């Protein structure tokens, strides 16, 4: 199996669960915060989607182009589908040798990392915030929740 296929499958095993959680967030809960210092549900979801897309774009040596207008009314479910599709396209575009290339992220993270390590970092970031998202969705009253990962 190609490494890029592995990363795509592993990403989707988590992102599909993220997207399922996002579908449970009605627009009446976009401003929901479990605590005063938390991001709103909308902010958390947008952060998760855009961060992964930005990380994977960097791994592919691409400048990420905005996929949505931050000031426009958005539907989080549609946005999640869009960012998932675009992120998958980027991962699928990576050749084996691309994953070994060192990417300079010193301006953002203070590190230079192989592209595949950036993808790992992006997936770890997604997993971390997906845990937060479970708490948000439970706080909104949802009890029928997906498993943590989909295989």
N, C-alpha and C. Protein backbone atom coordinates (compact mmCIF):
# COMPACT_ATOMS: atom_id res chain seq x y z
N UNK A 1 0.84 -1.18 0.00
CA UNK A 1 0.00 0.00 0.00
C UNK A 1 0.88 1.24 0.00
N UNK A 2 0.52 2.21 -0.84
CA UNK A 2 1.25 3.47 -0.87
C UNK A 2 1.07 4.20 0.45
N UNK A 3 2.11 4.92 0.84
CA UNK A 3 2.02 5.69 2.08
C UNK A 3 0.89 6.72 2.01
N UNK A 4 0.74 7.37 0.86
CA UNK A 4 -0.31 8.39 0.76
C UNK A 4 -1.70 7.76 0.93
N UNK A 5 -1.87 6.53 0.47
CA UNK A 5 -3.14 5.83 0.66
C UNK A 5 -3.36 5.54 2.14
N UNK A 6 -2.29 5.12 2.81
CA UNK A 6 -2.38 4.89 4.26
C UNK A 6 -2.81 6.17 4.98
N UNK A 7 -2.16 7.29 4.67
CA UNK A 7 -2.49 8.55 5.34
C UNK A 7 -3.90 8.99 5.02
N UNK A 8 -4.33 8.83 3.78
CA UNK A 8 -5.70 9.19 3.42
C UNK A 8 -6.70 8.35 4.21
N UNK A 9 -6.46 7.04 4.27
CA UNK A 9 -7.38 6.15 4.99
C UNK A 9 -7.40 6.47 6.49
N UNK A 10 -6.24 6.73 7.06
CA UNK A 10 -6.17 7.04 8.49
C UNK A 10 -6.84 8.37 8.78
N UNK A 11 -6.59 9.36 7.93
CA UNK A 11 -7.26 10.65 8.07
C UNK A 11 -8.77 10.48 8.01
N UNK A 12 -9.26 9.76 7.01
CA UNK A 12 -10.71 9.60 6.86
C UNK A 12 -11.33 8.79 8.00
N UNK A 13 -10.57 7.87 8.57
CA UNK A 13 -11.08 7.10 9.71
C UNK A 13 -11.45 8.04 10.86
N UNK A 14 -10.74 9.15 10.97
CA UNK A 14 -11.05 10.15 11.99
C UNK A 14 -11.97 11.25 11.46
N UNK A 15 -11.71 11.75 10.26
CA UNK A 15 -12.49 12.87 9.74
C UNK A 15 -13.96 12.51 9.52
N UNK A 16 -14.24 11.28 9.11
CA UNK A 16 -15.63 10.91 8.91
C UNK A 16 -16.41 10.95 10.23
N UNK A 17 -15.74 10.65 11.32
CA UNK A 17 -16.36 10.76 12.64
C UNK A 17 -16.53 12.25 12.99
N UNK A 18 -15.51 13.05 12.71
CA UNK A 18 -15.61 14.49 12.93
C UNK A 18 -16.82 15.03 12.16
N UNK A 19 -16.94 14.65 10.90
CA UNK A 19 -18.04 15.15 10.08
C UNK A 19 -19.39 14.70 10.63
N UNK A 20 -19.45 13.50 11.16
CA UNK A 20 -20.70 13.02 11.76
C UNK A 20 -21.07 13.85 12.99
N UNK A 21 -20.08 14.21 13.77
CA UNK A 21 -20.32 15.08 14.93
C UNK A 21 -20.77 16.47 14.47
N UNK A 22 -20.12 16.99 13.43
CA UNK A 22 -20.48 18.31 12.91
C UNK A 22 -21.94 18.32 12.45
N UNK A 23 -22.39 17.24 11.84
CA UNK A 23 -23.78 17.15 11.38
C UNK A 23 -24.79 17.31 12.52
N UNK A 24 -24.36 17.00 13.73
CA UNK A 24 -25.25 17.09 14.90
C UNK A 24 -25.37 18.53 15.43
N UNK A 25 -24.52 19.41 14.93
CA UNK A 25 -24.52 20.80 15.43
C UNK A 25 -25.47 21.63 14.57
N UNK A 26 -26.62 21.92 15.11
CA UNK A 26 -27.55 22.81 14.41
C UNK A 26 -27.04 24.24 14.44
N UNK A 27 -27.46 25.05 13.46
CA UNK A 27 -26.95 26.42 13.44
C UNK A 27 -27.36 27.21 14.69
N UNK A 28 -28.36 26.73 15.41
CA UNK A 28 -28.72 27.37 16.68
C UNK A 28 -27.69 27.09 17.78
N UNK A 29 -26.77 26.15 17.52
CA UNK A 29 -25.71 25.84 18.49
C UNK A 29 -24.32 26.28 18.03
N UNK A 30 -24.24 27.00 16.93
CA UNK A 30 -22.94 27.44 16.42
C UNK A 30 -22.16 28.26 17.45
N UNK A 31 -22.84 29.00 18.30
CA UNK A 31 -22.18 29.83 19.31
C UNK A 31 -22.02 29.13 20.65
N UNK A 32 -22.41 27.85 20.72
CA UNK A 32 -22.30 27.09 21.98
C UNK A 32 -20.84 26.99 22.42
N UNK A 33 -20.62 27.21 23.72
CA UNK A 33 -19.30 27.06 24.35
C UNK A 33 -19.49 26.28 25.63
N UNK A 34 -18.70 25.22 25.85
CA UNK A 34 -18.83 24.50 27.11
C UNK A 34 -18.35 25.31 28.32
N UNK A 35 -17.43 26.25 28.08
CA UNK A 35 -16.98 27.16 29.14
C UNK A 35 -16.81 28.54 28.54
N UNK A 36 -16.72 29.55 29.38
CA UNK A 36 -16.56 30.92 28.89
C UNK A 36 -15.27 31.12 28.09
N UNK A 37 -14.25 30.34 28.40
CA UNK A 37 -12.96 30.52 27.73
C UNK A 37 -12.79 29.61 26.51
N UNK A 38 -13.80 28.81 26.20
CA UNK A 38 -13.73 27.89 25.06
C UNK A 38 -14.02 28.61 23.76
N UNK A 39 -13.55 28.02 22.66
CA UNK A 39 -13.98 28.48 21.34
C UNK A 39 -15.45 28.11 21.20
N UNK A 40 -16.17 28.84 20.37
CA UNK A 40 -17.54 28.44 20.06
C UNK A 40 -17.48 27.18 19.21
N UNK A 41 -18.60 26.48 19.11
CA UNK A 41 -18.66 25.27 18.29
C UNK A 41 -18.24 25.58 16.85
N UNK A 42 -18.74 26.68 16.33
CA UNK A 42 -18.38 27.08 14.96
C UNK A 42 -16.88 27.35 14.85
N UNK A 43 -16.33 28.08 15.80
CA UNK A 43 -14.89 28.38 15.77
C UNK A 43 -14.06 27.10 15.84
N UNK A 44 -14.45 26.17 16.70
CA UNK A 44 -13.72 24.91 16.82
C UNK A 44 -13.75 24.13 15.52
N UNK A 45 -14.92 23.99 14.93
CA UNK A 45 -15.04 23.22 13.69
C UNK A 45 -14.24 23.89 12.57
N UNK A 46 -14.37 25.18 12.41
CA UNK A 46 -13.62 25.89 11.36
C UNK A 46 -12.12 25.75 11.61
N UNK A 47 -11.71 25.84 12.85
CA UNK A 47 -10.29 25.66 13.19
C UNK A 47 -9.80 24.28 12.79
N UNK A 48 -10.58 23.26 13.11
CA UNK A 48 -10.19 21.90 12.78
C UNK A 48 -10.06 21.71 11.26
N UNK A 49 -11.06 22.17 10.54
CA UNK A 49 -11.09 21.97 9.09
C UNK A 49 -9.97 22.74 8.40
N UNK A 50 -9.82 24.00 8.76
CA UNK A 50 -8.82 24.82 8.07
C UNK A 50 -7.40 24.43 8.48
N UNK A 51 -7.19 24.06 9.73
CA UNK A 51 -5.85 23.67 10.17
C UNK A 51 -5.36 22.44 9.42
N UNK A 52 -6.21 21.41 9.33
CA UNK A 52 -5.78 20.22 8.62
C UNK A 52 -5.46 20.55 7.17
N UNK A 53 -6.33 21.31 6.54
CA UNK A 53 -6.13 21.70 5.14
C UNK A 53 -4.82 22.48 4.98
N UNK A 54 -4.53 23.37 5.90
CA UNK A 54 -3.29 24.15 5.84
C UNK A 54 -2.06 23.27 6.04
N UNK A 55 -2.12 22.36 7.00
CA UNK A 55 -1.00 21.45 7.24
C UNK A 55 -0.73 20.57 6.02
N UNK A 56 -1.77 19.97 5.47
CA UNK A 56 -1.58 19.06 4.35
C UNK A 56 -1.15 19.84 3.10
N UNK A 57 -1.61 21.07 2.97
CA UNK A 57 -1.15 21.91 1.86
C UNK A 57 0.34 22.19 1.99
N UNK A 58 0.77 22.49 3.21
CA UNK A 58 2.20 22.72 3.46
C UNK A 58 3.01 21.47 3.15
N UNK A 59 2.50 20.30 3.53
CA UNK A 59 3.20 19.04 3.25
C UNK A 59 3.35 18.82 1.76
N UNK A 60 2.40 19.33 0.98
CA UNK A 60 2.43 19.18 -0.48
C UNK A 60 3.11 20.36 -1.15
N UNK A 61 3.71 21.25 -0.35
CA UNK A 61 4.38 22.45 -0.85
C UNK A 61 3.43 23.33 -1.66
N UNK A 62 2.22 23.47 -1.16
CA UNK A 62 1.21 24.31 -1.81
C UNK A 62 0.82 25.42 -0.85
N UNK A 63 0.46 26.53 -1.41
CA UNK A 63 -0.12 27.60 -0.61
C UNK A 63 -1.62 27.34 -0.55
N UNK A 64 -2.15 27.18 0.66
CA UNK A 64 -3.59 26.89 0.74
C UNK A 64 -4.42 28.09 0.28
N UNK A 65 -5.37 27.82 -0.58
CA UNK A 65 -6.28 28.88 -1.01
C UNK A 65 -7.52 28.80 -0.14
N UNK A 66 -8.04 29.92 0.29
CA UNK A 66 -9.25 29.89 1.14
C UNK A 66 -10.40 29.17 0.41
N UNK A 67 -11.08 28.31 1.12
CA UNK A 67 -12.19 27.56 0.54
C UNK A 67 -13.53 28.15 0.92
N UNK A 68 -13.52 29.13 1.82
CA UNK A 68 -14.77 29.79 2.20
C UNK A 68 -14.48 31.21 2.65
N UNK A 69 -15.51 32.03 2.60
CA UNK A 69 -15.43 33.41 3.07
C UNK A 69 -15.72 33.41 4.57
N UNK A 70 -14.75 33.82 5.35
CA UNK A 70 -14.89 33.80 6.81
C UNK A 70 -16.04 34.67 7.30
N UNK A 71 -16.43 35.67 6.53
CA UNK A 71 -17.48 36.59 6.96
C UNK A 71 -18.87 36.18 6.48
N UNK A 72 -18.94 35.16 5.64
CA UNK A 72 -20.23 34.73 5.10
C UNK A 72 -20.91 33.76 6.05
N UNK A 73 -22.22 33.68 5.93
CA UNK A 73 -22.96 32.64 6.65
C UNK A 73 -22.52 31.30 6.10
N UNK A 74 -22.19 30.38 6.98
CA UNK A 74 -21.73 29.07 6.52
C UNK A 74 -22.57 27.97 7.14
N UNK A 75 -22.63 26.88 6.43
CA UNK A 75 -23.24 25.66 6.93
C UNK A 75 -22.07 24.75 7.28
N UNK A 76 -21.92 24.43 8.55
CA UNK A 76 -20.75 23.65 8.99
C UNK A 76 -20.68 22.27 8.33
N UNK A 77 -21.82 21.65 8.10
CA UNK A 77 -21.82 20.32 7.47
C UNK A 77 -21.28 20.42 6.06
N UNK A 78 -21.74 21.41 5.29
CA UNK A 78 -21.25 21.59 3.92
C UNK A 78 -19.77 21.95 3.93
N UNK A 79 -19.37 22.79 4.87
CA UNK A 79 -17.97 23.20 4.96
C UNK A 79 -17.08 21.99 5.27
N UNK A 80 -17.54 21.12 6.17
CA UNK A 80 -16.78 19.93 6.52
C UNK A 80 -16.59 19.03 5.30
N UNK A 81 -17.64 18.86 4.52
CA UNK A 81 -17.53 18.04 3.30
C UNK A 81 -16.54 18.66 2.32
N UNK A 82 -16.61 19.96 2.13
CA UNK A 82 -15.72 20.65 1.20
C UNK A 82 -14.26 20.50 1.62
N UNK A 83 -13.96 20.81 2.89
CA UNK A 83 -12.58 20.72 3.36
C UNK A 83 -12.07 19.28 3.36
N UNK A 84 -12.95 18.33 3.62
CA UNK A 84 -12.55 16.92 3.58
C UNK A 84 -12.18 16.53 2.16
N UNK A 85 -13.03 16.86 1.20
CA UNK A 85 -12.75 16.53 -0.21
C UNK A 85 -11.45 17.15 -0.69
N UNK A 86 -11.25 18.41 -0.38
CA UNK A 86 -10.04 19.09 -0.84
C UNK A 86 -8.78 18.55 -0.16
N UNK A 87 -8.89 18.23 1.12
CA UNK A 87 -7.74 17.65 1.83
C UNK A 87 -7.39 16.28 1.27
N UNK A 88 -8.39 15.47 0.97
CA UNK A 88 -8.15 14.15 0.39
C UNK A 88 -7.46 14.29 -0.97
N UNK A 89 -7.90 15.23 -1.78
CA UNK A 89 -7.27 15.45 -3.09
C UNK A 89 -5.77 15.74 -2.94
N UNK A 90 -5.46 16.56 -1.96
CA UNK A 90 -4.05 16.92 -1.75
C UNK A 90 -3.26 15.69 -1.30
N UNK A 91 -3.79 14.94 -0.35
CA UNK A 91 -3.08 13.73 0.11
C UNK A 91 -2.88 12.76 -1.05
N UNK A 92 -3.91 12.57 -1.85
CA UNK A 92 -3.81 11.64 -2.99
C UNK A 92 -2.79 12.11 -4.02
N UNK A 93 -2.53 13.40 -4.08
CA UNK A 93 -1.58 13.94 -5.06
C UNK A 93 -0.12 13.68 -4.68
N UNK A 94 0.12 13.29 -3.44
CA UNK A 94 1.49 13.12 -2.97
C UNK A 94 2.10 11.80 -3.43
N UNK A 95 3.26 11.89 -4.05
CA UNK A 95 4.02 10.70 -4.43
C UNK A 95 4.84 10.24 -3.22
N UNK A 96 5.30 9.03 -3.28
CA UNK A 96 6.10 8.47 -2.16
C UNK A 96 7.28 9.38 -1.81
N UNK A 97 7.98 9.86 -2.84
CA UNK A 97 9.16 10.70 -2.58
C UNK A 97 8.77 12.05 -1.99
N UNK A 98 7.56 12.52 -2.28
CA UNK A 98 7.10 13.79 -1.70
C UNK A 98 7.00 13.70 -0.18
N UNK A 99 6.63 12.54 0.31
CA UNK A 99 6.44 12.37 1.75
C UNK A 99 7.75 12.43 2.53
N UNK A 100 8.86 12.19 1.85
CA UNK A 100 10.17 12.24 2.49
C UNK A 100 10.80 13.63 2.46
N UNK A 101 10.25 14.53 1.66
CA UNK A 101 10.83 15.86 1.52
C UNK A 101 10.71 16.65 2.82
N UNK A 102 11.75 17.40 3.12
CA UNK A 102 11.76 18.24 4.32
C UNK A 102 11.04 19.55 3.98
N UNK A 103 10.09 19.90 4.82
CA UNK A 103 9.30 21.10 4.64
C UNK A 103 9.67 22.08 5.75
N UNK A 104 9.94 23.30 5.38
CA UNK A 104 10.35 24.32 6.33
C UNK A 104 9.12 25.01 6.93
N UNK A 105 8.84 24.69 8.17
CA UNK A 105 7.74 25.32 8.90
C UNK A 105 8.26 26.15 10.07
N UNK A 106 9.49 26.64 9.93
CA UNK A 106 10.08 27.39 11.04
C UNK A 106 9.29 28.66 11.35
N UNK A 107 8.69 29.28 10.34
CA UNK A 107 7.91 30.50 10.59
C UNK A 107 6.65 30.22 11.40
N UNK A 108 6.12 29.00 11.27
CA UNK A 108 4.86 28.67 11.94
C UNK A 108 5.09 27.86 13.21
N UNK A 109 5.92 26.81 13.10
CA UNK A 109 6.12 25.89 14.22
C UNK A 109 7.54 25.88 14.76
N UNK A 110 8.44 26.58 14.08
CA UNK A 110 9.83 26.58 14.50
C UNK A 110 10.55 25.29 14.16
N UNK A 111 10.04 24.56 13.17
CA UNK A 111 10.59 23.25 12.81
C UNK A 111 10.68 23.06 11.29
N UNK A 112 11.59 22.17 10.93
CA UNK A 112 11.64 21.64 9.58
C UNK A 112 11.34 20.15 9.73
N UNK A 113 10.35 19.67 9.00
CA UNK A 113 9.90 18.28 9.15
C UNK A 113 9.68 17.63 7.79
N UNK A 114 9.85 16.29 7.73
CA UNK A 114 9.44 15.59 6.51
C UNK A 114 7.93 15.74 6.32
N UNK A 115 7.49 15.78 5.08
CA UNK A 115 6.08 15.97 4.77
C UNK A 115 5.20 14.96 5.50
N UNK A 116 5.65 13.70 5.58
CA UNK A 116 4.79 12.71 6.25
C UNK A 116 4.63 13.01 7.74
N UNK A 117 5.63 13.61 8.36
CA UNK A 117 5.51 13.99 9.78
C UNK A 117 4.51 15.14 9.94
N UNK A 118 4.43 16.00 8.94
CA UNK A 118 3.45 17.08 8.98
C UNK A 118 2.04 16.51 8.89
N UNK A 119 1.88 15.51 8.05
CA UNK A 119 0.56 14.87 7.94
C UNK A 119 0.22 14.17 9.25
N UNK A 120 1.19 13.50 9.86
CA UNK A 120 0.95 12.88 11.17
C UNK A 120 0.55 13.93 12.21
N UNK A 121 1.24 15.05 12.20
CA UNK A 121 0.94 16.14 13.12
C UNK A 121 -0.48 16.65 12.89
N UNK A 122 -0.86 16.79 11.63
CA UNK A 122 -2.21 17.27 11.29
C UNK A 122 -3.28 16.29 11.78
N UNK A 123 -3.02 15.00 11.63
CA UNK A 123 -3.99 14.00 12.09
C UNK A 123 -4.06 14.01 13.62
N UNK A 124 -2.92 14.13 14.28
CA UNK A 124 -2.91 14.20 15.75
C UNK A 124 -3.70 15.43 16.23
N UNK A 125 -3.52 16.54 15.55
CA UNK A 125 -4.25 17.77 15.88
C UNK A 125 -5.76 17.54 15.72
N UNK A 126 -6.13 16.89 14.64
CA UNK A 126 -7.55 16.56 14.40
C UNK A 126 -8.10 15.68 15.53
N UNK A 127 -7.35 14.67 15.90
CA UNK A 127 -7.79 13.75 16.96
C UNK A 127 -7.99 14.50 18.27
N UNK A 128 -7.06 15.37 18.61
CA UNK A 128 -7.16 16.16 19.83
C UNK A 128 -8.46 16.96 19.85
N UNK A 129 -8.70 17.70 18.79
CA UNK A 129 -9.88 18.55 18.76
C UNK A 129 -11.17 17.76 18.55
N UNK A 130 -11.08 16.58 17.96
CA UNK A 130 -12.27 15.74 17.83
C UNK A 130 -12.75 15.34 19.23
N UNK A 131 -11.82 15.11 20.14
CA UNK A 131 -12.19 14.83 21.53
C UNK A 131 -12.94 16.01 22.14
N UNK A 132 -12.47 17.23 21.85
CA UNK A 132 -13.18 18.42 22.30
C UNK A 132 -14.59 18.46 21.71
N UNK A 133 -14.68 18.13 20.44
CA UNK A 133 -15.96 18.18 19.74
C UNK A 133 -16.98 17.20 20.34
N UNK A 134 -16.50 16.04 20.77
CA UNK A 134 -17.39 15.10 21.46
C UNK A 134 -18.00 15.77 22.70
N UNK A 135 -17.19 16.49 23.46
CA UNK A 135 -17.68 17.17 24.67
C UNK A 135 -18.72 18.23 24.28
N UNK A 136 -18.45 18.99 23.25
CA UNK A 136 -19.39 20.02 22.80
C UNK A 136 -20.74 19.39 22.44
N UNK A 137 -20.69 18.35 21.62
CA UNK A 137 -21.93 17.75 21.11
C UNK A 137 -22.72 17.11 22.26
N UNK A 138 -22.02 16.50 23.21
CA UNK A 138 -22.72 15.97 24.40
C UNK A 138 -23.36 17.11 25.19
N UNK A 139 -22.65 18.21 25.31
CA UNK A 139 -23.18 19.37 26.03
C UNK A 139 -24.41 19.97 25.35
N UNK A 140 -24.54 19.73 24.06
CA UNK A 140 -25.72 20.19 23.31
C UNK A 140 -26.90 19.25 23.50
N UNK A 141 -26.66 18.14 24.21
CA UNK A 141 -27.73 17.21 24.52
C UNK A 141 -27.76 15.94 23.68
N UNK A 142 -26.80 15.77 22.80
CA UNK A 142 -26.76 14.55 21.97
C UNK A 142 -26.16 13.39 22.76
N UNK A 143 -26.83 12.25 22.69
CA UNK A 143 -26.33 11.05 23.38
C UNK A 143 -26.05 9.90 22.42
N UNK A 144 -26.57 9.97 21.21
CA UNK A 144 -26.33 8.95 20.20
C UNK A 144 -25.11 9.38 19.38
N UNK A 145 -23.94 9.00 19.87
CA UNK A 145 -22.70 9.48 19.26
C UNK A 145 -21.94 8.34 18.59
N UNK A 146 -21.14 8.67 17.57
CA UNK A 146 -20.38 7.65 16.88
C UNK A 146 -19.20 7.14 17.71
N UNK A 147 -18.62 6.05 17.26
CA UNK A 147 -17.36 5.58 17.86
C UNK A 147 -16.27 6.61 17.54
N UNK A 148 -15.19 6.57 18.27
CA UNK A 148 -14.10 7.53 18.14
C UNK A 148 -13.42 7.46 16.77
N UNK A 149 -13.41 6.28 16.16
CA UNK A 149 -12.75 6.09 14.87
C UNK A 149 -13.62 5.17 14.03
N UNK A 150 -13.56 5.36 12.74
CA UNK A 150 -14.31 4.51 11.81
C UNK A 150 -13.32 3.72 10.98
N UNK A 151 -13.53 2.45 10.93
CA UNK A 151 -12.64 1.57 10.13
C UNK A 151 -13.37 1.03 8.93
